[in-house]
């Protein structure tokens, strides 16, 4: 019976220690997150939303540039024979 009491006390002690450790872990995570947020606030970084918006704008501009390049090449191709025959 005394042995059971020792095991019960030990189990209770371990449970309490586990709860304390979890509390310390949560507190450390909260403090670390707060520090990181403060650090990022001092830096000149963009949000994910801003990055995605600019990424979409760049893709649209690239697509438009390719269309204009093809159009320019077609116009140059049309003008090239005229320019050569006119110089003769």
PDB file of N, CA and C in Angstrom:
ATOM      1  N   UNK A   1       0.811  -1.178   0.000  1.00  0.00           N
ATOM      2  CA  UNK A   1       0.000   0.000   0.000  1.00  0.00           C
ATOM      3  C   UNK A   1       0.873   1.268   0.000  1.00  0.00           C
ATOM      4  N   UNK A   2       1.931   1.246   0.762  1.00  0.00           N
ATOM      5  CA  UNK A   2       2.851   2.376   0.783  1.00  0.00           C
ATOM      6  C   UNK A   2       3.507   2.537  -0.574  1.00  0.00           C
ATOM      7  N   UNK A   3       3.740   1.405  -1.249  1.00  0.00           N
ATOM      8  CA  UNK A   3       4.357   1.461  -2.576  1.00  0.00           C
ATOM      9  C   UNK A   3       3.401   2.122  -3.577  1.00  0.00           C
ATOM     10  N   UNK A   4       2.102   1.810  -3.474  1.00  0.00           N
ATOM     11  CA  UNK A   4       1.109   2.444  -4.343  1.00  0.00           C
ATOM     12  C   UNK A   4       1.074   3.946  -4.108  1.00  0.00           C
ATOM     13  N   UNK A   5       1.170   4.332  -2.866  1.00  0.00           N
ATOM     14  CA  UNK A   5       1.164   5.753  -2.509  1.00  0.00           C
ATOM     15  C   UNK A   5       2.365   6.467  -3.143  1.00  0.00           C
ATOM     16  N   UNK A   6       3.522   5.821  -3.129  1.00  0.00           N
ATOM     17  CA  UNK A   6       4.731   6.395  -3.729  1.00  0.00           C
ATOM     18  C   UNK A   6       4.524   6.553  -5.234  1.00  0.00           C
ATOM     19  N   UNK A   7       3.954   5.524  -5.880  1.00  0.00           N
ATOM     20  CA  UNK A   7       3.690   5.595  -7.315  1.00  0.00           C
ATOM     21  C   UNK A   7       2.671   6.687  -7.638  1.00  0.00           C
ATOM     22  N   UNK A   8       1.653   6.817  -6.827  1.00  0.00           N
ATOM     23  CA  UNK A   8       0.642   7.860  -7.028  1.00  0.00           C
ATOM     24  C   UNK A   8       1.263   9.244  -6.895  1.00  0.00           C
ATOM     25  N   UNK A   9       2.087   9.426  -5.878  1.00  0.00           N
ATOM     26  CA  UNK A   9       2.773  10.711  -5.688  1.00  0.00           C
ATOM     27  C   UNK A   9       3.708  11.016  -6.860  1.00  0.00           C
ATOM     28  N   UNK A  10       4.429   9.998  -7.292  1.00  0.00           N
ATOM     29  CA  UNK A  10       5.353  10.162  -8.418  1.00  0.00           C
ATOM     30  C   UNK A  10       4.572  10.517  -9.693  1.00  0.00           C
ATOM     31  N   UNK A  11       3.459   9.834  -9.917  1.00  0.00           N
ATOM     32  CA  UNK A  11       2.620  10.096 -11.089  1.00  0.00           C
ATOM     33  C   UNK A  11       2.077  11.516 -11.033  1.00  0.00           C
ATOM     34  N   UNK A  12       1.597  11.935  -9.882  1.00  0.00           N
ATOM     35  CA  UNK A  12       1.084  13.288  -9.713  1.00  0.00           C
ATOM     36  C   UNK A  12       2.199  14.313  -9.966  1.00  0.00           C
ATOM     37  N   UNK A  13       3.371  14.035  -9.448  1.00  0.00           N
ATOM     38  CA  UNK A  13       4.515  14.922  -9.641  1.00  0.00           C
ATOM     39  C   UNK A  13       4.871  15.037 -11.129  1.00  0.00           C
ATOM     40  N   UNK A  14       4.876  13.922 -11.827  1.00  0.00           N
ATOM     41  CA  UNK A  14       5.192  13.925 -13.263  1.00  0.00           C
ATOM     42  C   UNK A  14       4.114  14.669 -14.059  1.00  0.00           C
ATOM     43  N   UNK A  15       2.867  14.480 -13.684  1.00  0.00           N
ATOM     44  CA  UNK A  15       1.767  15.180 -14.355  1.00  0.00           C
ATOM     45  C   UNK A  15       1.903  16.683 -14.158  1.00  0.00           C
ATOM     46  N   UNK A  16       2.176  17.092 -12.932  1.00  0.00           N
ATOM     47  CA  UNK A  16       2.367  18.517 -12.647  1.00  0.00           C
ATOM     48  C   UNK A  16       3.555  19.079 -13.422  1.00  0.00           C
ATOM     49  N   UNK A  17       4.640  18.317 -13.464  1.00  0.00           N
ATOM     50  CA  UNK A  17       5.838  18.768 -14.183  1.00  0.00           C
ATOM     51  C   UNK A  17       5.549  18.907 -15.669  1.00  0.00           C
ATOM     52  N   UNK A  18       4.769  17.980 -16.215  1.00  0.00           N
ATOM     53  CA  UNK A  18       4.408  18.038 -17.630  1.00  0.00           C
ATOM     54  C   UNK A  18       3.567  19.279 -17.913  1.00  0.00           C
ATOM     55  N   UNK A  19       2.606  19.559 -17.037  1.00  0.00           N
ATOM     56  CA  UNK A  19       1.762  20.740 -17.214  1.00  0.00           C
ATOM     57  C   UNK A  19       2.582  22.024 -17.141  1.00  0.00           C
ATOM     58  N   UNK A  20       3.511  22.067 -16.209  1.00  0.00           N
ATOM     59  CA  UNK A  20       4.381  23.245 -16.080  1.00  0.00           C
ATOM     60  C   UNK A  20       5.231  23.399 -17.336  1.00  0.00           C
ATOM     61  N   UNK A  21       5.778  22.283 -17.826  1.00  0.00           N
ATOM     62  CA  UNK A  21       6.611  22.335 -19.035  1.00  0.00           C
ATOM     63  C   UNK A  21       5.797  22.817 -20.232  1.00  0.00           C
ATOM     64  N   UNK A  22       4.562  22.365 -20.362  1.00  0.00           N
ATOM     65  CA  UNK A  22       3.710  22.810 -21.459  1.00  0.00           C
ATOM     66  C   UNK A  22       3.402  24.300 -21.337  1.00  0.00           C
ATOM     67  N   UNK A  23       3.171  24.757 -20.128  1.00  0.00           N
ATOM     68  CA  UNK A  23       2.935  26.185 -19.907  1.00  0.00           C
ATOM     69  C   UNK A  23       4.144  27.020 -20.277  1.00  0.00           C
ATOM     70  N   UNK A  24       5.315  26.550 -19.890  1.00  0.00           N
ATOM     71  CA  UNK A  24       6.550  27.264 -20.228  1.00  0.00           C
ATOM     72  C   UNK A  24       6.743  27.282 -21.742  1.00  0.00           C
ATOM     73  N   UNK A  25       6.444  26.159 -22.393  1.00  0.00           N
ATOM     74  CA  UNK A  25       6.581  26.076 -23.849  1.00  0.00           C
ATOM     75  C   UNK A  25       5.642  27.076 -24.529  1.00  0.00           C
ATOM     76  N   UNK A  26       4.383  27.124 -24.088  1.00  0.00           N
ATOM     77  CA  UNK A  26       3.429  28.071 -24.672  1.00  0.00           C
ATOM     78  C   UNK A  26       3.880  29.512 -24.458  1.00  0.00           C
ATOM     79  N   UNK A  27       4.361  29.790 -23.273  1.00  0.00           N
ATOM     80  CA  UNK A  27       4.834  31.136 -22.960  1.00  0.00           C
ATOM     81  C   UNK A  27       6.039  31.497 -23.825  1.00  0.00           C
ATOM     82  N   UNK A  28       6.959  30.545 -23.998  1.00  0.00           N
ATOM     83  CA  UNK A  28       8.142  30.789 -24.835  1.00  0.00           C
ATOM     84  C   UNK A  28       7.732  31.009 -26.289  1.00  0.00           C
ATOM     85  N   UNK A  29       6.786  30.225 -26.786  1.00  0.00           N
ATOM     86  CA  UNK A  29       6.319  30.398 -28.160  1.00  0.00           C
ATOM     87  C   UNK A  29       5.685  31.772 -28.353  1.00  0.00           C
ATOM     88  N   UNK A  30       4.880  32.185 -27.382  1.00  0.00           N
ATOM     89  CA  UNK A  30       4.227  33.498 -27.461  1.00  0.00           C
ATOM     90  C   UNK A  30       5.269  34.609 -27.463  1.00  0.00           C
ATOM     91  N   UNK A  31       6.258  34.505 -26.589  1.00  0.00           N
ATOM     92  CA  UNK A  31       7.312  35.524 -26.518  1.00  0.00           C
ATOM     93  C   UNK A  31       8.121  35.557 -27.810  1.00  0.00           C
ATOM     94  N   UNK A  32       8.442  34.379 -28.341  1.00  0.00           N
ATOM     95  CA  UNK A  32       9.225  34.296 -29.580  1.00  0.00           C
ATOM     96  C   UNK A  32       8.434  34.883 -30.748  1.00  0.00           C
ATOM     97  N   UNK A  33       7.160  34.554 -30.831  1.00  0.00           N
ATOM     98  CA  UNK A  33       6.318  35.080 -31.900  1.00  0.00           C
ATOM     99  C   UNK A  33       6.247  36.603 -31.817  1.00  0.00           C
ATOM    100  N   UNK A  34       6.103  37.119 -30.612  1.00  0.00           N
ATOM    101  CA  UNK A  34       6.045  38.557 -30.407  1.00  0.00           C
ATOM    102  C   UNK A  34       7.346  39.226 -30.856  1.00  0.00           C
ATOM    103  N   UNK A  35       8.469  38.631 -30.502  1.00  0.00           N
ATOM    104  CA  UNK A  35       9.782  39.180 -30.896  1.00  0.00           C
ATOM    105  C   UNK A  35       9.938  39.170 -32.416  1.00  0.00           C
ATOM    106  N   UNK A  36       9.529  38.075 -33.048  1.00  0.00           N
ATOM    107  CA  UNK A  36       9.650  37.969 -34.509  1.00  0.00           C
ATOM    108  C   UNK A  36       8.765  39.004 -35.185  1.00  0.00           C
ATOM    109  N   UNK A  37       7.541  39.166 -34.692  1.00  0.00           N
ATOM    110  CA  UNK A  37       6.639  40.162 -35.268  1.00  0.00           C
ATOM    111  C   UNK A  37       7.215  41.569 -35.125  1.00  0.00           C
ATOM    112  N   UNK A  38       7.799  41.867 -33.968  1.00  0.00           N
ATOM    113  CA  UNK A  38       8.434  43.179 -33.772  1.00  0.00           C
ATOM    114  C   UNK A  38       9.600  43.369 -34.723  1.00  0.00           C
ATOM    115  N   UNK A  39      10.413  42.324 -34.880  1.00  0.00           N
ATOM    116  CA  UNK A  39      11.573  42.383 -35.774  1.00  0.00           C
ATOM    117  C   UNK A  39      11.121  42.620 -37.209  1.00  0.00           C
ATOM    118  N   UNK A  40      10.101  41.877 -37.651  1.00  0.00           N
ATOM    119  CA  UNK A  40       9.608  42.037 -39.017  1.00  0.00           C
ATOM    120  C   UNK A  40       8.986  43.414 -39.229  1.00  0.00           C
ATOM    121  N   UNK A  41       8.385  43.959 -38.196  1.00  0.00           N
ATOM    122  CA  UNK A  41       7.778  45.286 -38.312  1.00  0.00           C
ATOM    123  C   UNK A  41       8.838  46.357 -38.558  1.00  0.00           C
ATOM    124  N   UNK A  42      10.051  46.148 -38.056  1.00  0.00           N
ATOM    125  CA  UNK A  42      11.119  47.127 -38.260  1.00  0.00           C
ATOM    126  C   UNK A  42      11.768  46.984 -39.627  1.00  0.00           C
ATOM    127  N   UNK A  43      11.571  45.844 -40.269  1.00  0.00           N
ATOM    128  CA  UNK A  43      12.166  45.616 -41.590  1.00  0.00           C
ATOM    129  C   UNK A  43      11.198  46.098 -42.668  1.00  0.00           C
ATOM    130  N   UNK A  44      11.733  46.313 -43.827  1.00  0.00           N
ATOM    131  CA  UNK A  44      10.921  46.753 -44.961  1.00  0.00           C
ATOM    132  C   UNK A  44      10.543  45.532 -45.792  1.00  0.00           C
ATOM    133  N   UNK A  45       9.582  44.759 -45.298  1.00  0.00           N
ATOM    134  CA  UNK A  45       9.140  43.556 -46.003  1.00  0.00           C
ATOM    135  C   UNK A  45       7.683  43.730 -46.421  1.00  0.00           C
ATOM    136  N   UNK A  46       7.300  43.005 -47.460  1.00  0.00           N
ATOM    137  CA  UNK A  46       5.935  43.078 -47.951  1.00  0.00           C
ATOM    138  C   UNK A  46       5.131  41.905 -47.399  1.00  0.00           C
ATOM    139  N   UNK A  47       3.822  42.090 -47.385  1.00  0.00           N
ATOM    140  CA  UNK A  47       2.950  41.000 -46.944  1.00  0.00           C
ATOM    141  C   UNK A  47       2.791  40.009 -48.086  1.00  0.00           C
ATOM    142  N   UNK A  48       2.303  38.850 -47.766  1.00  0.00           N
ATOM    143  CA  UNK A  48       2.063  37.821 -48.777  1.00  0.00           C
ATOM    144  C   UNK A  48       1.062  38.333 -49.818  1.00  0.00           C
ATOM    145  N   UNK A  49       0.041  39.056 -49.359  1.00  0.00           N
ATOM    146  CA  UNK A  49      -0.968  39.571 -50.270  1.00  0.00           C
ATOM    147  C   UNK A  49      -0.359  40.568 -51.261  1.00  0.00           C
ATOM    148  N   UNK A  50       0.504  41.449 -50.749  1.00  0.00           N
ATOM    149  CA  UNK A  50       1.158  42.414 -51.632  1.00  0.00           C
ATOM    150  C   UNK A  50       2.052  41.708 -52.646  1.00  0.00           C
ATOM    151  N   UNK A  51       2.781  40.702 -52.178  1.00  0.00           N
ATOM    152  CA  UNK A  51       3.665  39.942 -53.060  1.00  0.00           C
ATOM    153  C   UNK A  51       2.863  39.265 -54.168  1.00  0.00           C
ATOM    154  N   UNK A  52       1.752  38.621 -53.799  1.00  0.00           N
ATOM    155  CA  UNK A  52       0.924  37.924 -54.784  1.00  0.00           C
ATOM    156  C   UNK A  52       0.337  38.904 -55.793  1.00  0.00           C
ATOM    157  N   UNK A  53      -0.076  40.089 -55.337  1.00  0.00           N
ATOM    158  CA  UNK A  53      -0.635  41.094 -56.245  1.00  0.00           C
ATOM    159  C   UNK A  53       0.413  41.540 -57.263  1.00  0.00           C
ATOM    160  N   UNK A  54       1.620  41.807 -56.806  1.00  0.00           N
ATOM    161  CA  UNK A  54       2.690  42.236 -57.710  1.00  0.00           C
ATOM    162  C   UNK A  54       3.078  41.098 -58.655  1.00  0.00           C
ATOM    163  N   UNK A  55       3.060  39.880 -58.143  1.00  0.00           N
ATOM    164  CA  UNK A  55       3.374  38.710 -58.971  1.00  0.00           C
ATOM    165  C   UNK A  55       2.371  38.588 -60.116  1.00  0.00           C
ATOM    166  N   UNK A  56       1.089  38.794 -59.819  1.00  0.00           N
ATOM    167  CA  UNK A  56       0.057  38.740 -60.854  1.00  0.00           C
ATOM    168  C   UNK A  56       0.229  39.874 -61.858  1.00  0.00           C
ATOM    169  N   UNK A  57       0.566  41.050 -61.358  1.00  0.00           N
ATOM    170  CA  UNK A  57       0.793  42.188 -62.251  1.00  0.00           C
ATOM    171  C   UNK A  57       1.970  41.909 -63.186  1.00  0.00           C
ATOM    172  N   UNK A  58       3.028  41.323 -62.657  1.00  0.00           N
ATOM    173  CA  UNK A  58       4.207  41.012 -63.470  1.00  0.00           C
ATOM    174  C   UNK A  58       3.865  39.969 -64.530  1.00  0.00           C
ATOM    175  N   UNK A  59       3.072  38.974 -64.174  1.00  0.00           N
ATOM    176  CA  UNK A  59       2.669  37.950 -65.142  1.00  0.00           C
ATOM    177  C   UNK A  59       1.833  38.568 -66.252  1.00  0.00           C
ATOM    178  N   UNK A  60       0.917  39.470 -65.885  1.00  0.00           N
ATOM    179  CA  UNK A  60       0.084  40.137 -66.888  1.00  0.00           C
ATOM    180  C   UNK A  60       0.945  41.010 -67.802  1.00  0.00           C
ATOM    181  N   UNK A  61       1.908  41.713 -67.238  1.00  0.00           N
ATOM    182  CA  UNK A  61       2.789  42.572 -68.030  1.00  0.00           C
ATOM    183  C   UNK A  61       3.647  41.725 -68.976  1.00  0.00           C
ATOM    184  N   UNK A  62       4.130  40.593 -68.486  1.00  0.00           N
ATOM    185  CA  UNK A  62       4.931  39.696 -69.316  1.00  0.00           C
ATOM    186  C   UNK A  62       4.099  39.182 -70.497  1.00  0.00           C
ATOM    187  N   UNK A  63       2.860  38.809 -70.218  1.00  0.00           N
ATOM    188  CA  UNK A  63       1.966  38.312 -71.260  1.00  0.00           C
ATOM    189  C   UNK A  63       1.697  39.400 -72.303  1.00  0.00           C
ATOM    190  N   UNK A  64       1.429  40.602 -71.831  1.00  0.00           N
ATOM    191  CA  UNK A  64       1.189  41.731 -72.734  1.00  0.00           C
ATOM    192  C   UNK A  64       2.428  42.027 -73.569  1.00  0.00           C
ATOM    193  N   UNK A  65       3.597  41.947 -72.956  1.00  0.00           N
ATOM    194  CA  UNK A  65       4.854  42.185 -73.661  1.00  0.00           C
ATOM    195  C   UNK A  65       5.054  41.158 -74.772  1.00  0.00           C
ATOM    196  N   UNK A  66       4.726  39.908 -74.495  1.00  0.00           N
ATOM    197  CA  UNK A  66       4.860  38.864 -75.511  1.00  0.00           C
ATOM    198  C   UNK A  66       3.900  39.116 -76.676  1.00  0.00           C
ATOM    199  N   UNK A  67       2.666  39.522 -76.369  1.00  0.00           N
ATOM    200  CA  UNK A  67       1.687  39.830 -77.425  1.00  0.00           C
ATOM    201  C   UNK A  67       2.184  40.981 -78.288  1.00  0.00           C
ATOM    202  N   UNK A  68       2.686  42.024 -77.632  1.00  0.00           N
ATOM    203  CA  UNK A  68       3.183  43.184 -78.377  1.00  0.00           C
ATOM    204  C   UNK A  68       4.411  42.817 -79.213  1.00  0.00           C
ATOM    205  N   UNK A  69       5.251  41.950 -78.686  1.00  0.00           N
ATOM    206  CA  UNK A  69       6.428  41.500 -79.447  1.00  0.00           C
ATOM    207  C   UNK A  69       6.015  40.754 -80.701  1.00  0.00           C
ATOM    208  N   UNK A  70       5.014  39.888 -80.585  1.00  0.00           N
ATOM    209  CA  UNK A  70       4.525  39.148 -81.751  1.00  0.00           C
ATOM    210  C   UNK A  70       3.893  40.102 -82.764  1.00  0.00           C
ATOM    211  N   UNK A  71       3.136  41.069 -82.259  1.00  0.00           N
ATOM    212  CA  UNK A  71       2.489  42.043 -83.139  1.00  0.00           C
ATOM    213  C   UNK A  71       3.537  42.874 -83.876  1.00  0.00           C
ATOM    214  N   UNK A  72       4.579  43.288 -83.158  1.00  0.00           N
ATOM    215  CA  UNK A  72       5.653  44.065 -83.763  1.00  0.00           C
ATOM    216  C   UNK A  72       6.369  43.241 -84.830  1.00  0.00           C
ATOM    217  N   UNK A  73       6.633  41.970 -84.521  1.00  0.00           N
ATOM    218  CA  UNK A  73       7.302  41.108 -85.499  1.00  0.00           C
ATOM    219  C   UNK A  73       6.445  40.955 -86.752  1.00  0.00           C
ATOM    220  N   UNK A  74       5.137  40.821 -86.588  1.00  0.00           N
ATOM    221  CA  UNK A  74       4.243  40.695 -87.739  1.00  0.00           C
ATOM    222  C   UNK A  74       4.241  41.982 -88.570  1.00  0.00           C
ATOM    223  N   UNK A  75       4.189  43.119 -87.902  1.00  0.00           N
ATOM    224  CA  UNK A  75       4.216  44.397 -88.630  1.00  0.00           C
ATOM    225  C   UNK A  75       5.539  44.594 -89.367  1.00  0.00           C
ATOM    226  N   UNK A  76       6.640  44.228 -88.732  1.00  0.00           N
ATOM    227  CA  UNK A  76       7.952  44.340 -89.381  1.00  0.00           C
ATOM    228  C   UNK A  76       8.035  43.413 -90.585  1.00  0.00           C
ATOM    229  N   UNK A  77       7.441  42.221 -90.446  1.00  0.00           N
ATOM    230  CA  UNK A  77       7.439  41.273 -91.563  1.00  0.00           C
ATOM    231  C   UNK A  77       6.634  41.819 -92.728  1.00  0.00           C
ATOM    232  N   UNK A  78       5.533  42.499 -92.431  1.00  0.00           N
ATOM    233  CA  UNK A  78       4.729  43.108 -93.499  1.00  0.00           C
ATOM    234  C   UNK A  78       5.488  44.241 -94.198  1.00  0.00           C
ATOM    235  N   UNK A  79       6.205  45.014 -93.421  1.00  0.00           N
ATOM    236  CA  UNK A  79       6.907  46.168 -93.965  1.00  0.00           C
ATOM    237  C   UNK A  79       8.217  45.810 -94.649  1.00  0.00           C
ATOM    238  N   UNK A  80       8.815  44.723 -94.268  1.00  0.00           N
ATOM    239  CA  UNK A  80      10.128  44.347 -94.807  1.00  0.00           C
ATOM    240  C   UNK A  80      10.114  44.189 -96.328  1.00  0.00           C
ATOM    241  N   UNK A  81       9.179  43.449 -96.934  1.00  0.00           N
ATOM    242  CA  UNK A  81       9.206  43.319 -98.403  1.00  0.00           C
ATOM    243  C   UNK A  81       8.978  44.654 -99.105  1.00  0.00           C
ATOM    244  N   UNK A  82       8.123  45.490 -98.560  1.00  0.00           N
ATOM    245  CA  UNK A  82       7.848  46.796 -99.149  1.00  0.00           C
ATOM    246  C   UNK A  82       9.091  47.670 -99.122  1.00  0.00           C
ATOM    247  N   UNK A  83       9.784  47.634 -98.018  1.00  0.00           N
ATOM    248  CA  UNK A  83      11.005  48.434 -97.877  1.00  0.00           C
ATOM    249  C   UNK A  83      12.080  47.980 -98.836  1.00  0.00           C
ATOM    250  N   UNK A  84      12.218  46.672 -99.077  1.00  0.00           N
ATOM    251  CA  UNK A  84      13.241  46.147 -99.970  1.00  0.00           C
ATOM    252  C   UNK A  84      12.906  46.473-101.425  1.00  0.00           C
ATOM    253  N   UNK A  85      11.629  46.320-101.807  1.00  0.00           N
ATOM    254  CA  UNK A  85      11.252  46.591-103.206  1.00  0.00           C
ATOM    255  C   UNK A  85      11.291  48.080-103.504  1.00  0.00           C
ATOM    256  N   UNK A  86      11.013  48.908-102.512  1.00  0.00           N
ATOM    257  CA  UNK A  86      11.026  50.357-102.697  1.00  0.00           C
ATOM    258  C   UNK A  86      12.426  50.886-102.853  1.00  0.00           C
ATOM    259  N   UNK A  87      13.463  50.196-102.352  1.00  0.00           N
ATOM    260  CA  UNK A  87      14.825  50.692-102.416  1.00  0.00           C
ATOM    261  C   UNK A  87      15.487  50.325-103.717  1.00  0.00           C
ATOM    262  N   UNK A  88      14.871  49.463-104.527  1.00  0.00           N
ATOM    263  CA  UNK A  88      15.462  49.060-105.793  1.00  0.00           C
ATOM    264  C   UNK A  88      15.230  50.008-106.891  1.00  0.00           C
TER     265      UNK A  88
END
